[in-house]
Amino acid sequence: MPRYGRRLTLALAAIILIGGAPPAGAETVRFKLDFSPVGYHAMFYSGVSRGVYKQHGLDVEIIPGTGSHAAVLDIVGGKVEFAFADTSTLALAAMNSGVREVKVVGMVLETTPYSILYLKNKGIAKPSDLNGRTMANFQGSGVGRLFRAFARINNVDFASVKEILSAPPTYLNPLVVGQADFAPTTVNQLPNLRDPARQAGNELAEFRFVDYGMNMFGAALVASASTIAQRPDVVRRFVRATLESVHWSARNPEAAVDELLKTNPQLKKPRALAELRSILAVSVPRGATAANPLHLGWIDPAKMARTVDLVREAYGLSQSVDPATLFTNESVARP
């Protein structure tokens, strides 16, 4: 063999050994997140860094997000093949904007992580104590809008609630310092805000939506109807690889965060680990115990219908959508 040929062969072998190139025939897919990377995204980044996607013949590019709505629109526009988006946002897009070509192909957060953070030291002990209180919120907040349904179910007069609106990155600050009494948010915020609130003389606690009549789906893997129809094998492999990574992360959360930090060194491990563990505990309760990773992705039709109903109520919509058109269970397995 000519010398240059041997050098080329050795170079290619070295690239494959260090994982620098996808396996022969690997298909490249783009995966859009709901937001910029935080702790719970370790479930996905660990799938890339540990080679889980490559084992399934996929070269996955993870793209940071700017919200679930934007992720759904990127699916519609063909900018990405897959996205991680809140199911309630997808239901809203279907009912309010006529988006009917995007479907859930695998559930990840089988229970919504939405919650109400509140100040115990303000005399709040049950949801009805929120009557007449001040809520910290931001314009366009999805969970803030869903609070309307939470209020009705839990005997809170929404009209009596006062509101402090801030920019999204800082909207919880009025709650932490005691200017607001409660705020709609997600469960991964409590572990990180508890100490700052104590330093300000406040004690934070939460009402998790799932414990107070709001048992709905959280964020899921979504794809377009055309991708599902034209590339069914890619969809199946992507869903399987992702759920295998979720399954592993639920059993190895600290190791998963270590994998996340390899490509996101700007994140702090204690905070990222607290975020991941809180999301796993509430929204992926069977993550560490499921006999088959594909069981984690199953979409229960009745729960999807409940999710649609709650979104419809929260946004005051007259139109609805058939819940069965929002998902497919073809790539997952019934528990």
Protein backbone atom coordinates (compact mmCIF):
# COMPACT_ATOMS: atom_id res chain seq x y z
CA MET A 1 0.00 0.00 0.00
CA PRO A 2 1.39 3.48 -0.83
CA ARG A 3 2.54 5.47 2.20
CA TYR A 4 -0.15 8.15 1.79
CA GLY A 5 -2.77 5.39 1.69
CA ARG A 6 -1.54 3.94 4.99
CA ARG A 7 -1.57 7.41 6.57
CA LEU A 8 -5.14 8.02 5.39
CA THR A 9 -6.30 4.64 6.72
CA LEU A 10 -4.68 5.27 10.10
CA ALA A 11 -6.12 8.75 10.28
CA LEU A 12 -9.64 7.50 9.57
CA ALA A 13 -9.25 4.75 12.16
CA ALA A 14 -8.15 7.30 14.74
CA ILE A 15 -11.18 9.50 14.06
CA ILE A 16 -13.55 6.56 14.52
CA LEU A 17 -11.84 5.42 17.73
CA ILE A 18 -12.21 8.80 19.41
CA GLY A 19 -15.82 9.14 18.28
CA GLY A 20 -15.12 12.11 16.04
CA ALA A 21 -17.22 10.81 13.16
CA PRO A 22 -20.57 9.06 12.97
CA PRO A 23 -20.64 5.40 12.02
CA ALA A 24 -20.97 4.55 8.35
CA GLY A 25 -24.45 5.32 7.12
CA ALA A 26 -25.38 7.44 10.17
CA GLU A 27 -28.12 9.95 9.48
CA THR A 28 -27.79 13.51 10.71
CA VAL A 29 -30.78 14.96 12.56
CA ARG A 30 -31.32 18.26 14.32
CA PHE A 31 -32.90 18.29 17.78
CA LYS A 32 -34.21 21.60 19.12
CA LEU A 33 -34.52 22.04 22.89
CA ASP A 34 -37.22 24.01 24.69
CA PHE A 35 -34.70 26.41 26.26
CA SER A 36 -30.98 26.99 26.63
CA PRO A 37 -29.26 24.06 28.38
CA VAL A 38 -30.03 23.54 32.06
CA GLY A 39 -29.75 20.54 34.35
CA TYR A 40 -32.63 18.46 33.03
CA HIS A 41 -31.21 18.59 29.51
CA ALA A 42 -28.52 16.20 30.73
CA MET A 43 -30.97 13.48 29.67
CA PHE A 44 -30.23 14.40 26.05
CA TYR A 45 -26.64 15.62 26.07
CA SER A 46 -25.53 12.41 27.77
CA GLY A 47 -27.07 10.48 24.88
CA VAL A 48 -24.75 12.32 22.50
CA SER A 49 -21.58 12.22 24.59
CA ARG A 50 -22.01 8.55 25.54
CA GLY A 51 -22.61 7.57 21.92
CA VAL A 52 -26.16 6.29 22.43
CA TYR A 53 -27.48 8.03 19.34
CA LYS A 54 -24.54 6.81 17.26
CA GLN A 55 -25.27 3.25 18.36
CA HIS A 56 -28.64 3.72 16.69
CA GLY A 57 -27.10 5.12 13.51
CA LEU A 58 -27.83 8.77 14.23
CA ASP A 59 -25.61 11.82 14.34
CA VAL A 60 -27.63 14.22 16.50
CA GLU A 61 -27.07 17.97 16.63
CA ILE A 62 -28.65 19.49 19.75
CA ILE A 63 -29.79 23.08 19.24
CA PRO A 64 -30.54 25.29 22.28
CA GLY A 65 -34.07 26.67 22.33
CA THR A 66 -35.92 29.88 23.10
CA GLY A 67 -39.20 28.38 24.28
CA SER A 68 -41.53 25.53 23.37
CA HIS A 69 -43.55 27.67 20.97
CA ALA A 70 -40.46 28.48 18.92
CA ALA A 71 -39.47 24.81 18.93
CA VAL A 72 -42.88 23.79 17.55
CA LEU A 73 -42.64 26.46 14.84
CA ASP A 74 -39.19 25.19 13.84
CA ILE A 75 -40.74 21.76 13.30
CA VAL A 76 -43.48 23.32 11.19
CA GLY A 77 -40.92 25.22 9.14
CA GLY A 78 -38.72 22.18 8.59
CA LYS A 79 -35.74 23.76 10.36
CA VAL A 80 -35.31 20.71 12.62
CA GLU A 81 -36.43 17.09 12.53
CA PHE A 82 -37.17 16.77 16.25
CA ALA A 83 -37.86 19.07 19.19
CA PHE A 84 -38.43 18.91 22.92
CA ALA A 85 -41.54 20.98 23.58
CA ASP A 86 -44.23 21.29 26.21
CA THR A 87 -47.33 19.28 25.33
CA SER A 88 -49.63 22.07 26.50
CA THR A 89 -47.88 24.45 24.07
CA LEU A 90 -48.43 22.01 21.23
CA ALA A 91 -52.10 21.67 22.17
CA LEU A 92 -52.44 25.46 22.25
CA ALA A 93 -50.78 25.79 18.82
CA ALA A 94 -53.20 23.22 17.41
CA MET A 95 -56.29 24.93 18.81
CA ASN A 96 -55.32 28.59 18.56
CA SER A 97 -53.06 28.68 15.48
CA GLY A 98 -54.24 25.72 13.43
CA VAL A 99 -50.94 23.85 13.77
CA ARG A 100 -51.99 20.28 13.01
CA GLU A 101 -48.86 18.78 11.40
CA VAL A 102 -46.81 18.38 14.60
CA LYS A 103 -47.22 15.31 16.79
CA VAL A 104 -45.78 13.92 20.01
CA VAL A 105 -43.74 10.82 19.11
CA GLY A 106 -42.52 10.03 22.60
CA MET A 107 -43.34 11.42 26.03
CA VAL A 108 -40.44 12.46 28.29
CA LEU A 109 -42.07 14.38 31.15
CA GLU A 110 -45.11 12.18 31.75
CA THR A 111 -46.22 14.55 34.50
CA THR A 112 -46.07 18.33 34.19
CA PRO A 113 -43.29 19.97 36.21
CA TYR A 114 -45.39 23.11 36.66
CA SER A 115 -45.92 24.33 40.20
CA ILE A 116 -46.80 27.36 42.29
CA LEU A 117 -43.95 28.64 44.44
CA TYR A 118 -45.23 30.49 47.50
CA LEU A 119 -44.02 32.06 50.74
CA LYS A 120 -44.94 30.01 53.80
CA ASN A 121 -44.07 32.92 56.06
CA LYS A 122 -46.89 34.95 54.47
CA GLY A 123 -49.49 32.64 56.02
CA ILE A 124 -50.03 30.53 52.92
CA ALA A 125 -50.67 26.84 53.60
CA LYS A 126 -53.20 25.76 50.96
CA PRO A 127 -54.09 26.95 47.44
CA SER A 128 -57.19 28.86 48.55
CA ASP A 129 -54.88 31.06 50.65
CA LEU A 130 -53.75 32.60 47.35
CA ASN A 131 -56.98 34.62 47.19
CA GLY A 132 -56.20 38.34 47.19
CA ARG A 133 -52.44 37.74 47.04
CA THR A 134 -49.80 39.14 44.70
CA MET A 135 -48.39 36.95 41.94
CA ALA A 136 -44.98 37.38 40.26
CA ASN A 137 -45.30 36.69 36.55
CA PHE A 138 -44.10 37.70 33.08
CA GLN A 139 -45.95 38.60 29.90
CA GLY A 140 -46.64 35.54 27.75
CA SER A 141 -45.98 32.99 30.48
CA GLY A 142 -47.59 29.65 29.62
CA VAL A 143 -47.61 28.40 33.20
CA GLY A 144 -48.94 31.79 34.27
CA ARG A 145 -51.86 31.32 31.93
CA LEU A 146 -52.45 27.77 33.17
CA PHE A 147 -52.75 29.21 36.67
CA ARG A 148 -56.25 30.29 35.64
CA ALA A 149 -57.33 26.63 35.47
CA PHE A 150 -55.42 25.88 38.69
CA ALA A 151 -57.27 28.75 40.38
CA ARG A 152 -60.71 27.51 39.32
CA ILE A 153 -59.99 23.94 40.46
CA ASN A 154 -58.60 25.09 43.82
CA ASN A 155 -61.14 27.75 44.81
CA VAL A 156 -59.00 30.79 44.04
CA ASP A 157 -60.77 33.86 42.65
CA PHE A 158 -58.41 34.80 39.84
CA ALA A 159 -59.86 38.30 39.68
CA SER A 160 -58.72 38.92 43.26
CA VAL A 161 -55.07 38.17 42.45
CA LYS A 162 -52.75 41.14 41.92
CA GLU A 163 -49.79 40.79 39.56
CA ILE A 164 -46.20 42.01 39.31
CA LEU A 165 -44.88 41.64 35.76
CA SER A 166 -41.13 41.44 35.14
CA ALA A 167 -38.81 40.25 32.39
CA PRO A 168 -38.69 36.43 32.07
CA PRO A 169 -35.13 35.98 33.42
CA THR A 170 -35.87 37.94 36.60
CA TYR A 171 -39.59 37.51 37.19
CA LEU A 172 -39.08 35.34 40.29
CA ASN A 173 -37.01 38.01 42.07
CA PRO A 174 -40.05 39.78 43.57
CA LEU A 175 -41.09 36.47 45.13
CA VAL A 176 -37.64 35.74 46.56
CA VAL A 177 -37.42 39.13 48.26
CA GLY A 178 -41.05 39.08 49.47
CA GLN A 179 -42.62 41.71 47.19
CA ALA A 180 -44.85 38.97 45.73
CA ASP A 181 -46.55 36.14 47.60
CA PHE A 182 -46.42 33.43 44.94
CA ALA A 183 -45.38 32.69 41.38
CA PRO A 184 -46.22 30.05 38.75
CA THR A 185 -43.07 28.22 37.68
CA THR A 186 -41.50 24.75 37.46
CA VAL A 187 -40.32 22.37 40.19
CA ASN A 188 -36.64 22.74 39.29
CA GLN A 189 -36.69 26.33 40.59
CA LEU A 190 -37.32 25.50 44.26
CA PRO A 191 -33.95 23.83 45.05
CA ASN A 192 -32.05 26.81 43.65
CA LEU A 193 -34.17 29.61 45.10
CA ARG A 194 -34.67 28.25 48.61
CA ASP A 195 -31.40 29.63 50.02
CA PRO A 196 -31.63 33.10 48.41
CA ALA A 197 -35.17 33.39 49.79
CA ARG A 198 -33.99 32.43 53.29
CA GLN A 199 -31.29 35.06 53.10
CA ALA A 200 -34.08 37.57 52.45
CA GLY A 201 -36.05 36.23 55.43
CA ASN A 202 -38.54 34.18 53.42
CA GLU A 203 -39.46 30.49 53.34
CA LEU A 204 -40.38 29.00 49.97
CA ALA A 205 -42.65 26.00 49.38
CA GLU A 206 -44.64 24.78 46.39
CA PHE A 207 -47.99 23.48 45.23
CA ARG A 208 -47.22 21.04 42.43
CA PHE A 209 -49.85 21.10 39.70
CA VAL A 210 -50.09 17.31 39.65
CA ASP A 211 -51.06 17.25 43.35
CA TYR A 212 -53.84 19.82 42.91
CA GLY A 213 -56.04 18.65 40.05
CA MET A 214 -53.71 19.50 37.17
CA ASN A 215 -52.48 16.04 36.18
CA MET A 216 -51.37 16.82 32.63
CA PHE A 217 -48.45 15.98 30.36
CA GLY A 218 -45.19 17.92 30.39
CA ALA A 219 -42.62 18.24 27.62
CA ALA A 220 -42.24 15.59 24.93
CA LEU A 221 -40.40 14.65 21.76
CA VAL A 222 -42.23 16.07 18.76
CA ALA A 223 -41.86 15.71 14.99
CA SER A 224 -43.78 16.68 11.87
CA ALA A 225 -46.33 14.41 10.26
CA SER A 226 -44.18 14.35 7.11
CA THR A 227 -41.09 13.18 9.01
CA ILE A 228 -43.16 10.47 10.70
CA ALA A 229 -44.54 9.31 7.35
CA GLN A 230 -41.38 9.61 5.25
CA ARG A 231 -38.69 8.62 7.78
CA PRO A 232 -40.40 6.22 10.19
CA ASP A 233 -37.22 4.26 10.92
CA VAL A 234 -35.35 7.43 11.85
CA VAL A 235 -38.19 8.44 14.16
CA ARG A 236 -38.16 5.03 15.85
CA ARG A 237 -34.39 5.08 16.31
CA PHE A 238 -34.36 8.65 17.62
CA VAL A 239 -37.14 7.96 20.13
CA ARG A 240 -35.50 4.74 21.33
CA ALA A 241 -32.06 6.33 21.71
CA THR A 242 -33.51 9.33 23.57
CA LEU A 243 -35.56 7.20 25.96
CA GLU A 244 -32.57 4.94 26.59
CA SER A 245 -30.63 8.05 27.56
CA VAL A 246 -33.48 9.27 29.80
CA HIS A 247 -33.60 5.83 31.44
CA TRP A 248 -29.83 5.85 32.08
CA SER A 249 -29.88 9.44 33.37
CA ALA A 250 -32.65 8.62 35.85
CA ARG A 251 -30.46 5.86 37.31
CA ASN A 252 -27.24 7.88 37.10
CA PRO A 253 -28.14 11.56 37.55
CA GLU A 254 -24.72 12.74 38.74
CA ALA A 255 -22.94 10.99 35.88
CA ALA A 256 -25.49 12.44 33.46
CA VAL A 257 -24.73 15.96 34.68
CA ASP A 258 -21.02 15.27 34.26
CA GLU A 259 -21.74 14.42 30.63
CA LEU A 260 -23.78 17.62 30.24
CA LEU A 261 -20.92 19.73 31.57
CA LYS A 262 -18.53 18.41 28.92
CA THR A 263 -20.26 20.56 26.31
CA ASN A 264 -21.82 23.13 28.65
CA PRO A 265 -19.03 24.09 31.06
CA GLN A 266 -20.77 27.38 31.88
CA LEU A 267 -23.26 25.47 34.04
CA LYS A 268 -22.57 24.84 37.74
CA LYS A 269 -22.76 21.20 38.75
CA PRO A 270 -24.65 21.57 42.08
CA ARG A 271 -27.38 23.66 40.46
CA ALA A 272 -27.61 21.46 37.37
CA LEU A 273 -27.80 18.30 39.48
CA ALA A 274 -30.54 19.77 41.68
CA GLU A 275 -32.52 20.75 38.57
CA LEU A 276 -32.21 17.30 37.03
CA ARG A 277 -33.12 15.44 40.21
CA SER A 278 -36.20 17.58 40.87
CA ILE A 279 -37.50 17.10 37.32
CA LEU A 280 -36.84 13.34 37.44
CA ALA A 281 -38.60 12.95 40.79
CA VAL A 282 -41.78 14.75 39.72
CA SER A 283 -42.00 14.33 35.95
CA VAL A 284 -40.20 11.05 35.20
CA PRO A 285 -41.30 9.01 38.24
CA ARG A 286 -40.73 5.65 36.52
CA GLY A 287 -37.44 6.69 34.98
CA ALA A 288 -35.20 4.52 37.12
CA THR A 289 -37.53 1.53 37.40
CA ALA A 290 -39.10 1.04 33.96
CA ALA A 291 -38.41 -2.44 32.62
CA ASN A 292 -38.24 -1.09 29.08
CA PRO A 293 -37.09 2.47 28.22
CA LEU A 294 -39.83 2.62 25.58
CA HIS A 295 -42.43 2.36 28.36
CA LEU A 296 -41.40 5.87 29.45
CA GLY A 297 -42.57 7.34 26.15
CA TRP A 298 -46.11 5.95 26.10
CA ILE A 299 -48.81 8.60 25.60
CA ASP A 300 -52.02 7.86 27.50
CA PRO A 301 -55.00 9.04 25.38
CA ALA A 302 -57.07 10.01 28.43
CA LYS A 303 -54.26 12.12 29.85
CA MET A 304 -53.79 13.82 26.49
CA ALA A 305 -57.49 14.65 26.46
CA ARG A 306 -57.17 16.08 29.98
CA THR A 307 -54.20 18.19 28.88
CA VAL A 308 -56.19 19.60 25.95
CA ASP A 309 -59.16 20.40 28.21
CA LEU A 310 -57.01 22.26 30.75
CA VAL A 311 -55.29 24.31 28.06
CA ARG A 312 -58.62 25.14 26.45
CA GLU A 313 -59.99 26.34 29.78
CA ALA A 314 -56.87 28.31 30.74
CA TYR A 315 -56.85 30.25 27.46
CA GLY A 316 -60.62 30.63 27.22
CA LEU A 317 -60.78 28.99 23.80
CA SER A 318 -64.05 28.15 22.09
CA GLN A 319 -62.37 25.86 19.55
CA SER A 320 -60.89 22.47 20.40
CA VAL A 321 -58.89 19.68 18.77
CA ASP A 322 -59.19 15.91 18.70
CA PRO A 323 -56.51 14.80 21.22
CA ALA A 324 -55.81 11.69 19.11
CA THR A 325 -54.40 13.91 16.34
CA LEU A 326 -51.67 15.26 18.61
CA PHE A 327 -49.68 12.06 19.14
CA THR A 328 -48.63 8.66 17.93
CA ASN A 329 -47.52 5.68 20.00
CA GLU A 330 -45.91 3.90 17.03
CA SER A 331 -42.37 4.34 18.32
CA VAL A 332 -42.95 3.49 21.99
CA ALA A 333 -44.32 0.59 24.02
CA ARG A 334 -47.31 0.36 26.33
CA PRO A 335 -46.24 -0.23 29.97
